[in-house]
């Protein structure tokens, strides 16, 4: 499975579970867990609390105060598009 797309997807799922599992609700990521995820996995991605609040609000499509796995996938897709643009320049 080395280097495959399947391996990358497993890593993304494991990261979701790792950060979602930090509080009582293991099916979603809270704002604090999202902050931890971004600061640990992608340092410098989000700056201050205001930036994090705006980022979180943009991800929380159903406005329930958490990021579900489906909303997390939107985050990953958005980050991949940003990375592609950066690498294409």
Protein backbone atom coordinates (compact mmCIF):
# COMPACT_ATOMS: atom_id res chain seq x y z
CA UNK A 1 0.00 0.00 0.00
CA UNK A 2 3.08 2.27 0.13
CA UNK A 3 2.58 5.73 -1.37
CA UNK A 4 -0.91 4.99 -2.64
CA UNK A 5 -3.98 7.16 -2.61
CA UNK A 6 -5.60 4.65 -0.26
CA UNK A 7 -2.76 5.12 2.21
CA UNK A 8 -3.21 8.91 2.07
CA UNK A 9 -6.96 8.55 2.73
CA UNK A 10 -6.28 6.29 5.72
CA UNK A 11 -3.92 8.93 7.15
CA UNK A 12 -6.61 11.61 6.73
CA UNK A 13 -9.19 9.43 8.50
CA UNK A 14 -6.75 8.64 11.32
CA UNK A 15 -6.01 12.35 11.78
CA UNK A 16 -9.73 13.10 12.03
CA UNK A 17 -10.17 10.36 14.64
CA UNK A 18 -7.09 11.50 16.55
CA UNK A 19 -8.32 15.08 16.96
CA UNK A 20 -12.05 14.31 17.22
CA UNK A 21 -11.23 11.87 20.00
CA UNK A 22 -9.79 14.50 22.32
CA UNK A 23 -13.16 15.36 23.90
CA UNK A 24 -16.32 13.41 24.71
CA UNK A 25 -17.71 13.66 21.15
CA UNK A 26 -15.60 11.44 18.92
CA UNK A 27 -17.78 12.02 15.84
CA UNK A 28 -16.83 15.65 15.31
CA UNK A 29 -14.09 18.22 15.84
CA UNK A 30 -14.66 21.18 18.15
CA UNK A 31 -13.10 24.57 17.57
CA UNK A 32 -10.39 23.78 20.15
CA UNK A 33 -9.65 20.44 18.46
CA UNK A 34 -9.52 22.14 15.05
CA UNK A 35 -7.08 24.69 16.42
CA UNK A 36 -4.93 21.88 17.80
CA UNK A 37 -5.11 19.97 14.48
CA UNK A 38 -4.12 22.98 12.39
CA UNK A 39 -1.36 24.18 14.74
CA UNK A 40 0.13 20.68 15.00
CA UNK A 41 -0.33 19.37 11.47
CA UNK A 42 -0.04 22.62 9.47
CA UNK A 43 1.80 25.19 11.63
CA UNK A 44 1.14 28.78 10.64
CA UNK A 45 -2.06 27.95 8.75
CA UNK A 46 -4.31 29.94 11.05
CA UNK A 47 -3.14 32.99 12.93
CA UNK A 48 -5.11 34.59 15.73
CA UNK A 49 -8.44 33.68 17.38
CA UNK A 50 -10.41 35.91 14.98
CA UNK A 51 -8.90 34.06 12.00
CA UNK A 52 -9.64 30.69 13.60
CA UNK A 53 -13.24 31.74 14.32
CA UNK A 54 -13.77 32.76 10.68
CA UNK A 55 -12.11 29.57 9.41
CA UNK A 56 -14.22 27.41 11.73
CA UNK A 57 -17.44 29.21 10.76
CA UNK A 58 -16.66 28.57 7.10
CA UNK A 59 -16.19 24.85 7.75
CA UNK A 60 -19.20 24.38 10.02
CA UNK A 61 -21.70 24.15 7.17
CA UNK A 62 -24.65 23.02 9.28
CA UNK A 63 -23.79 25.57 12.02
CA UNK A 64 -23.95 23.01 14.83
CA UNK A 65 -20.73 24.28 16.46
CA UNK A 66 -18.63 21.29 15.38
CA UNK A 67 -16.88 20.03 12.25
CA UNK A 68 -18.22 16.63 11.15
CA UNK A 69 -16.20 14.17 9.08
CA UNK A 70 -17.93 15.42 5.90
CA UNK A 71 -17.05 19.02 6.78
CA UNK A 72 -13.48 17.90 7.55
CA UNK A 73 -13.22 16.44 4.04
CA UNK A 74 -14.21 19.86 2.66
CA UNK A 75 -11.33 21.32 4.74
CA UNK A 76 -8.87 18.78 3.32
CA UNK A 77 -10.07 19.44 -0.24
CA UNK A 78 -9.74 23.20 0.23
CA UNK A 79 -6.23 22.84 1.65
CA UNK A 80 -5.23 20.60 -1.25
CA UNK A 81 -6.44 23.19 -3.78
CA UNK A 82 -4.45 25.91 -1.98
CA UNK A 83 -1.35 23.70 -1.95
CA UNK A 84 -1.73 22.88 -5.64
CA UNK A 85 -1.96 26.59 -6.52
CA UNK A 86 1.18 27.28 -4.47
CA UNK A 87 3.11 24.43 -6.11
CA UNK A 88 1.95 25.40 -9.63
CA UNK A 89 3.42 28.89 -9.32
